[in-house]
Amino acid sequence: MAGSFVFDAEVRTNTGKGDARRLRNLGKVPAVLYGGGEPVSLILEHNKVVKALENEATYSHILTLNIGDKQEQAILKELQRHPSKPIIMHMDFQRVSESDKIKVHVPLHFVNQETSVGVKKGGVVNHNLVDVEVTCLPSQLPEFIEVDMADVDIGESVHLSDLKLPVGVQIVALLHGPEHDTPVAVIQTTRAAEAG
């Protein structure tokens, strides 16, 4: 999985808001690489970043940062977008080590919604979550977690504890106790279903 998403970056020597604004005007994105040593200020190409972010998996993969002649493995930790323009303002990356667990938000993919028991009876699927924070070793990081809605009836829900997780992957919320076992999706009744 590592290395399938590559970002070319250069070290940023000047810092501060003025320099960040200048970089953005030049079509660049200021970024910082944290963790496992000294933070490094970076510069990335805005258009290449936007293109990479079109792939949902970029948010939940181990990324390779090419910084000069050096390569760093990292995850995308935070992304700041302009409130009204299609501009990436800033990015935070976190270094990863194969031996240290990481926490990452992984997207949820809902399957068998149209054919689920509840939908066939006229219910509607309501998503409470679109992603979930997991902890695992970098090598175990899933691209997404599947939520199978096939057997869910009207009034029933799928909770975090119902999700089938790959080996070594844990949901962060569930580590805090069973009271954090929130619903991921529920099938609710509609007026049409009530009338039928």
C-alpha atoms as a PDB file:
ATOM      1  CA  MET A   1       0.000   0.000   0.000  1.00  0.00           C
ATOM      2  CA  ALA A   2       2.850   2.380   0.854  1.00  0.00           C
ATOM      3  CA  GLY A   3       4.138   4.370  -2.074  1.00  0.00           C
ATOM      4  CA  SER A   4       1.020   4.230  -4.221  1.00  0.00           C
ATOM      5  CA  PHE A   5       0.305   7.902  -3.470  1.00  0.00           C
ATOM      6  CA  VAL A   6       3.253  10.190  -4.034  1.00  0.00           C
ATOM      7  CA  PHE A   7       3.558  13.923  -3.338  1.00  0.00           C
ATOM      8  CA  ASP A   8       6.571  15.894  -4.528  1.00  0.00           C
ATOM      9  CA  ALA A   9       7.558  18.542  -2.010  1.00  0.00           C
ATOM     10  CA  GLU A  10      10.350  20.975  -1.400  1.00  0.00           C
ATOM     11  CA  VAL A  11      11.593  22.319   1.925  1.00  0.00           C
ATOM     12  CA  ARG A  12      10.194  25.742   2.791  1.00  0.00           C
ATOM     13  CA  THR A  13      12.786  28.009   4.357  1.00  0.00           C
ATOM     14  CA  ASN A  14      10.698  31.170   4.858  1.00  0.00           C
ATOM     15  CA  THR A  15       7.695  30.954   7.165  1.00  0.00           C
ATOM     16  CA  GLY A  16       4.920  33.257   8.331  1.00  0.00           C
ATOM     17  CA  LYS A  17       1.555  34.401   6.982  1.00  0.00           C
ATOM     18  CA  GLY A  18       3.032  36.758   4.389  1.00  0.00           C
ATOM     19  CA  ASP A  19       5.169  34.023   2.888  1.00  0.00           C
ATOM     20  CA  ALA A  20       2.250  31.560   2.926  1.00  0.00           C
ATOM     21  CA  ARG A  21       0.120  34.091   1.031  1.00  0.00           C
ATOM     22  CA  ARG A  22       2.929  34.640  -1.492  1.00  0.00           C
ATOM     23  CA  LEU A  23       3.221  30.874  -2.035  1.00  0.00           C
ATOM     24  CA  ARG A  24      -0.532  30.479  -2.567  1.00  0.00           C
ATOM     25  CA  ASN A  25      -0.438  33.305  -5.150  1.00  0.00           C
ATOM     26  CA  LEU A  26       2.247  31.293  -6.982  1.00  0.00           C
ATOM     27  CA  GLY A  27       0.021  28.177  -7.063  1.00  0.00           C
ATOM     28  CA  LYS A  28       1.766  26.456  -4.161  1.00  0.00           C
ATOM     29  CA  VAL A  29       0.459  24.909  -0.927  1.00  0.00           C
ATOM     30  CA  PRO A  30       2.330  25.429   2.347  1.00  0.00           C
ATOM     31  CA  ALA A  31       2.516  22.251   4.449  1.00  0.00           C
ATOM     32  CA  VAL A  32       4.161  20.822   7.553  1.00  0.00           C
ATOM     33  CA  LEU A  33       5.446  17.301   8.231  1.00  0.00           C
ATOM     34  CA  TYR A  34       5.212  16.397  11.946  1.00  0.00           C
ATOM     35  CA  GLY A  35       6.093  13.444  14.130  1.00  0.00           C
ATOM     36  CA  GLY A  36       9.175  11.303  14.668  1.00  0.00           C
ATOM     37  CA  GLY A  37      11.624  14.197  14.877  1.00  0.00           C
ATOM     38  CA  GLU A  38      11.735  17.848  13.949  1.00  0.00           C
ATOM     39  CA  PRO A  39       8.767  19.333  12.058  1.00  0.00           C
ATOM     40  CA  VAL A  40       9.667  20.220   8.468  1.00  0.00           C
ATOM     41  CA  SER A  41       7.978  23.067   6.559  1.00  0.00           C
ATOM     42  CA  LEU A  42       7.169  22.083   2.986  1.00  0.00           C
ATOM     43  CA  ILE A  43       5.849  23.483  -0.298  1.00  0.00           C
ATOM     44  CA  LEU A  44       3.666  21.457  -2.697  1.00  0.00           C
ATOM     45  CA  GLU A  45       2.184  22.194  -6.128  1.00  0.00           C
ATOM     46  CA  HIS A  46      -1.491  23.202  -5.721  1.00  0.00           C
ATOM     47  CA  ASN A  47      -2.744  21.593  -8.957  1.00  0.00           C
ATOM     48  CA  LYS A  48      -1.043  18.271  -8.197  1.00  0.00           C
ATOM     49  CA  VAL A  49      -2.479  18.292  -4.658  1.00  0.00           C
ATOM     50  CA  VAL A  50      -6.014  18.975  -5.940  1.00  0.00           C
ATOM     51  CA  LYS A  51      -5.674  16.128  -8.464  1.00  0.00           C
ATOM     52  CA  ALA A  52      -4.461  13.697  -5.762  1.00  0.00           C
ATOM     53  CA  LEU A  53      -7.280  14.685  -3.392  1.00  0.00           C
ATOM     54  CA  GLU A  54      -9.883  13.679  -6.012  1.00  0.00           C
ATOM     55  CA  ASN A  55      -9.123  10.091  -4.990  1.00  0.00           C
ATOM     56  CA  GLU A  56     -10.862   9.388  -1.664  1.00  0.00           C
ATOM     57  CA  ALA A  57      -8.155   6.851  -0.784  1.00  0.00           C
ATOM     58  CA  THR A  58      -5.583   9.667  -0.437  1.00  0.00           C
ATOM     59  CA  TYR A  59      -7.148  10.487   2.933  1.00  0.00           C
ATOM     60  CA  SER A  60      -6.673   6.965   4.327  1.00  0.00           C
ATOM     61  CA  HIS A  61      -3.442   5.738   2.719  1.00  0.00           C
ATOM     62  CA  ILE A  62       0.196   5.851   3.640  1.00  0.00           C
ATOM     63  CA  LEU A  63       1.594   8.559   1.370  1.00  0.00           C
ATOM     64  CA  THR A  64       5.124   8.983   0.101  1.00  0.00           C
ATOM     65  CA  LEU A  65       6.564  12.485   0.307  1.00  0.00           C
ATOM     66  CA  ASN A  66       9.514  13.075  -2.026  1.00  0.00           C
ATOM     67  CA  ILE A  67      11.478  15.853  -0.322  1.00  0.00           C
ATOM     68  CA  GLY A  68      14.569  16.539  -2.398  1.00  0.00           C
ATOM     69  CA  ASP A  69      16.457  13.234  -2.580  1.00  0.00           C
ATOM     70  CA  LYS A  70      14.739  11.898   0.549  1.00  0.00           C
ATOM     71  CA  GLN A  71      11.479   9.952   0.916  1.00  0.00           C
ATOM     72  CA  GLU A  72       9.191  10.093   3.956  1.00  0.00           C
ATOM     73  CA  GLN A  73       6.169   7.877   4.675  1.00  0.00           C
ATOM     74  CA  ALA A  74       3.287   9.917   6.088  1.00  0.00           C
ATOM     75  CA  ILE A  75      -0.466  10.230   6.436  1.00  0.00           C
ATOM     76  CA  LEU A  76      -2.525  13.314   5.661  1.00  0.00           C
ATOM     77  CA  LYS A  77      -3.538  14.552   9.108  1.00  0.00           C
ATOM     78  CA  GLU A  78      -5.258  17.844   8.342  1.00  0.00           C
ATOM     79  CA  LEU A  79      -6.320  19.879   5.348  1.00  0.00           C
ATOM     80  CA  GLN A  80      -7.399  23.519   5.389  1.00  0.00           C
ATOM     81  CA  ARG A  81      -9.530  24.714   2.483  1.00  0.00           C
ATOM     82  CA  HIS A  82     -10.476  28.283   1.614  1.00  0.00           C
ATOM     83  CA  PRO A  83     -14.041  28.948   2.874  1.00  0.00           C
ATOM     84  CA  SER A  84     -15.371  30.130  -0.498  1.00  0.00           C
ATOM     85  CA  LYS A  85     -12.758  29.408  -3.191  1.00  0.00           C
ATOM     86  CA  PRO A  86     -11.492  26.024  -4.464  1.00  0.00           C
ATOM     87  CA  ILE A  87      -8.092  26.586  -2.846  1.00  0.00           C
ATOM     88  CA  ILE A  88      -6.122  24.334  -0.485  1.00  0.00           C
ATOM     89  CA  MET A  89      -4.731  26.714   2.143  1.00  0.00           C
ATOM     90  CA  HIS A  90      -2.508  24.382   4.186  1.00  0.00           C
ATOM     91  CA  MET A  91      -1.740  20.698   4.768  1.00  0.00           C
ATOM     92  CA  ASP A  92      -0.442  18.793   7.789  1.00  0.00           C
ATOM     93  CA  PHE A  93       1.265  15.443   7.300  1.00  0.00           C
ATOM     94  CA  GLN A  94       2.290  13.033  10.059  1.00  0.00           C
ATOM     95  CA  ARG A  95       5.308  10.750   9.673  1.00  0.00           C
ATOM     96  CA  VAL A  96       4.609   7.065  10.126  1.00  0.00           C
ATOM     97  CA  SER A  97       6.805   4.259  11.344  1.00  0.00           C
ATOM     98  CA  GLU A  98       6.003   0.615  10.521  1.00  0.00           C
ATOM     99  CA  SER A  99       6.247  -0.248  14.245  1.00  0.00           C
ATOM    100  CA  ASP A 100       4.015   2.529  15.645  1.00  0.00           C
ATOM    101  CA  LYS A 101       0.216   2.518  15.544  1.00  0.00           C
ATOM    102  CA  ILE A 102      -1.488   5.447  13.834  1.00  0.00           C
ATOM    103  CA  LYS A 103      -4.973   6.962  14.101  1.00  0.00           C
ATOM    104  CA  VAL A 104      -6.698   7.687  10.788  1.00  0.00           C
ATOM    105  CA  HIS A 105     -10.233   8.470   9.624  1.00  0.00           C
ATOM    106  CA  VAL A 106     -11.231   5.782   7.132  1.00  0.00           C
ATOM    107  CA  PRO A 107     -14.236   6.203   4.781  1.00  0.00           C
ATOM    108  CA  LEU A 108     -17.271   3.946   5.116  1.00  0.00           C
ATOM    109  CA  HIS A 109     -18.660   2.273   1.978  1.00  0.00           C
ATOM    110  CA  PHE A 110     -22.314   1.285   2.279  1.00  0.00           C
ATOM    111  CA  VAL A 111     -23.285  -1.826   0.276  1.00  0.00           C
ATOM    112  CA  ASN A 112     -26.587  -3.597  -0.425  1.00  0.00           C
ATOM    113  CA  GLN A 113     -28.615  -0.505   0.490  1.00  0.00           C
ATOM    114  CA  GLU A 114     -31.130  -0.734  -2.382  1.00  0.00           C
ATOM    115  CA  THR A 115     -31.729  -4.454  -1.739  1.00  0.00           C
ATOM    116  CA  SER A 116     -31.844  -4.341   2.077  1.00  0.00           C
ATOM    117  CA  VAL A 117     -34.846  -5.815   3.874  1.00  0.00           C
ATOM    118  CA  GLY A 118     -35.996  -2.397   5.165  1.00  0.00           C
ATOM    119  CA  VAL A 119     -35.629  -0.560   1.845  1.00  0.00           C
ATOM    120  CA  LYS A 120     -37.639  -3.260   0.053  1.00  0.00           C
ATOM    121  CA  LYS A 121     -40.442  -2.500   2.519  1.00  0.00           C
ATOM    122  CA  GLY A 122     -40.260   1.201   1.634  1.00  0.00           C
ATOM    123  CA  GLY A 123     -37.786   2.424   4.277  1.00  0.00           C
ATOM    124  CA  VAL A 124     -34.940   4.870   3.679  1.00  0.00           C
ATOM    125  CA  VAL A 125     -31.307   4.510   4.711  1.00  0.00           C
ATOM    126  CA  ASN A 126     -30.073   7.362   6.891  1.00  0.00           C
ATOM    127  CA  HIS A 127     -26.260   7.616   7.268  1.00  0.00           C
ATOM    128  CA  ASN A 128     -25.083   8.890  10.648  1.00  0.00           C
ATOM    129  CA  LEU A 129     -21.375   8.586   9.782  1.00  0.00           C
ATOM    130  CA  VAL A 130     -19.410   8.748   6.530  1.00  0.00           C
ATOM    131  CA  ASP A 131     -16.073   7.771   8.067  1.00  0.00           C
ATOM    132  CA  VAL A 132     -14.706   6.282  11.275  1.00  0.00           C
ATOM    133  CA  GLU A 133     -11.464   6.841  13.190  1.00  0.00           C
ATOM    134  CA  VAL A 134      -9.396   3.677  13.477  1.00  0.00           C
ATOM    135  CA  THR A 135      -6.071   2.793  15.039  1.00  0.00           C
ATOM    136  CA  CYS A 136      -3.679   0.228  13.572  1.00  0.00           C
ATOM    137  CA  LEU A 137      -0.170  -0.306  12.273  1.00  0.00           C
ATOM    138  CA  PRO A 138       0.488   1.445   8.943  1.00  0.00           C
ATOM    139  CA  SER A 139       0.693  -1.894   7.106  1.00  0.00           C
ATOM    140  CA  GLN A 140      -2.831  -2.806   8.308  1.00  0.00           C
ATOM    141  CA  LEU A 141      -4.530   0.460   7.300  1.00  0.00           C
ATOM    142  CA  PRO A 142      -7.670  -0.307   5.244  1.00  0.00           C
ATOM    143  CA  GLU A 143      -8.626   1.843   2.257  1.00  0.00           C
ATOM    144  CA  PHE A 144     -12.252   1.798   3.455  1.00  0.00           C
ATOM    145  CA  ILE A 145     -14.580  -0.169   5.736  1.00  0.00           C
ATOM    146  CA  GLU A 146     -17.632  -1.826   4.234  1.00  0.00           C
ATOM    147  CA  VAL A 147     -21.047  -1.473   5.897  1.00  0.00           C
ATOM    148  CA  ASP A 148     -23.370  -4.249   4.714  1.00  0.00           C
ATOM    149  CA  MET A 149     -27.010  -3.096   4.901  1.00  0.00           C
ATOM    150  CA  ALA A 150     -28.529  -6.307   3.375  1.00  0.00           C
ATOM    151  CA  ASP A 151     -30.238  -7.669   6.508  1.00  0.00           C
ATOM    152  CA  VAL A 152     -31.200  -4.358   8.116  1.00  0.00           C
ATOM    153  CA  ASP A 153     -34.954  -3.854   8.530  1.00  0.00           C
ATOM    154  CA  ILE A 154     -37.024  -0.709   9.125  1.00  0.00           C
ATOM    155  CA  GLY A 155     -36.265   0.677  12.580  1.00  0.00           C
ATOM    156  CA  GLU A 156     -32.980  -1.228  12.833  1.00  0.00           C
ATOM    157  CA  SER A 157     -29.510   0.261  12.778  1.00  0.00           C
ATOM    158  CA  VAL A 158     -25.916  -0.770  12.221  1.00  0.00           C
ATOM    159  CA  HIS A 159     -23.607   0.233  15.082  1.00  0.00           C
ATOM    160  CA  LEU A 160     -19.813   0.656  15.195  1.00  0.00           C
ATOM    161  CA  SER A 161     -19.529  -2.734  16.930  1.00  0.00           C
ATOM    162  CA  ASP A 162     -21.322  -4.376  13.968  1.00  0.00           C
ATOM    163  CA  LEU A 163     -18.614  -3.374  11.477  1.00  0.00           C
ATOM    164  CA  LYS A 164     -16.337  -6.126  10.190  1.00  0.00           C
ATOM    165  CA  LEU A 165     -12.786  -4.882  10.619  1.00  0.00           C
ATOM    166  CA  PRO A 166      -9.565  -6.195   9.077  1.00  0.00           C
ATOM    167  CA  VAL A 167      -7.095  -7.930  11.423  1.00  0.00           C
ATOM    168  CA  GLY A 168      -5.269  -5.493  13.709  1.00  0.00           C
ATOM    169  CA  VAL A 169      -7.693  -2.614  13.107  1.00  0.00           C
ATOM    170  CA  GLN A 170      -9.629  -1.137  16.040  1.00  0.00           C
ATOM    171  CA  ILE A 171     -12.242   1.619  16.138  1.00  0.00           C
ATOM    172  CA  VAL A 172     -11.003   4.398  18.437  1.00  0.00           C
ATOM    173  CA  ALA A 173     -14.482   5.247  19.858  1.00  0.00           C
ATOM    174  CA  LEU A 174     -15.040   1.630  20.983  1.00  0.00           C
ATOM    175  CA  LEU A 175     -11.759   1.683  22.933  1.00  0.00           C
ATOM    176  CA  HIS A 176     -13.454   4.237  25.238  1.00  0.00           C
ATOM    177  CA  GLY A 177     -16.207   1.810  26.239  1.00  0.00           C
ATOM    178  CA  PRO A 178     -19.517   0.331  25.034  1.00  0.00           C
ATOM    179  CA  GLU A 179     -21.372   3.615  25.603  1.00  0.00           C
ATOM    180  CA  HIS A 180     -19.472   4.967  22.569  1.00  0.00           C
ATOM    181  CA  ASP A 181     -20.995   2.326  20.261  1.00  0.00           C
ATOM    182  CA  THR A 182     -22.859   4.838  18.099  1.00  0.00           C
ATOM    183  CA  PRO A 183     -25.124   4.025  15.140  1.00  0.00           C
ATOM    184  CA  VAL A 184     -23.468   4.189  11.727  1.00  0.00           C
ATOM    185  CA  ALA A 185     -26.685   3.947   9.689  1.00  0.00           C
ATOM    186  CA  VAL A 186     -30.383   3.339  10.339  1.00  0.00           C
ATOM    187  CA  ILE A 187     -33.304   2.419   8.103  1.00  0.00           C
ATOM    188  CA  GLN A 188     -36.220   4.702   8.860  1.00  0.00           C
ATOM    189  CA  THR A 189     -39.815   4.391   7.891  1.00  0.00           C
ATOM    190  CA  THR A 190     -41.432   6.725   5.368  1.00  0.00           C
ATOM    191  CA  ARG A 191     -45.042   7.803   5.077  1.00  0.00           C
ATOM    192  CA  ALA A 192     -45.373   5.514   2.065  1.00  0.00           C
ATOM    193  CA  ALA A 193     -44.137   2.547   4.090  1.00  0.00           C
ATOM    194  CA  GLU A 194     -46.502   3.407   6.977  1.00  0.00           C
ATOM    195  CA  ALA A 195     -49.465   3.651   4.589  1.00  0.00           C
ATOM    196  CA  GLY A 196     -48.554   0.350   2.909  1.00  0.00           C
END
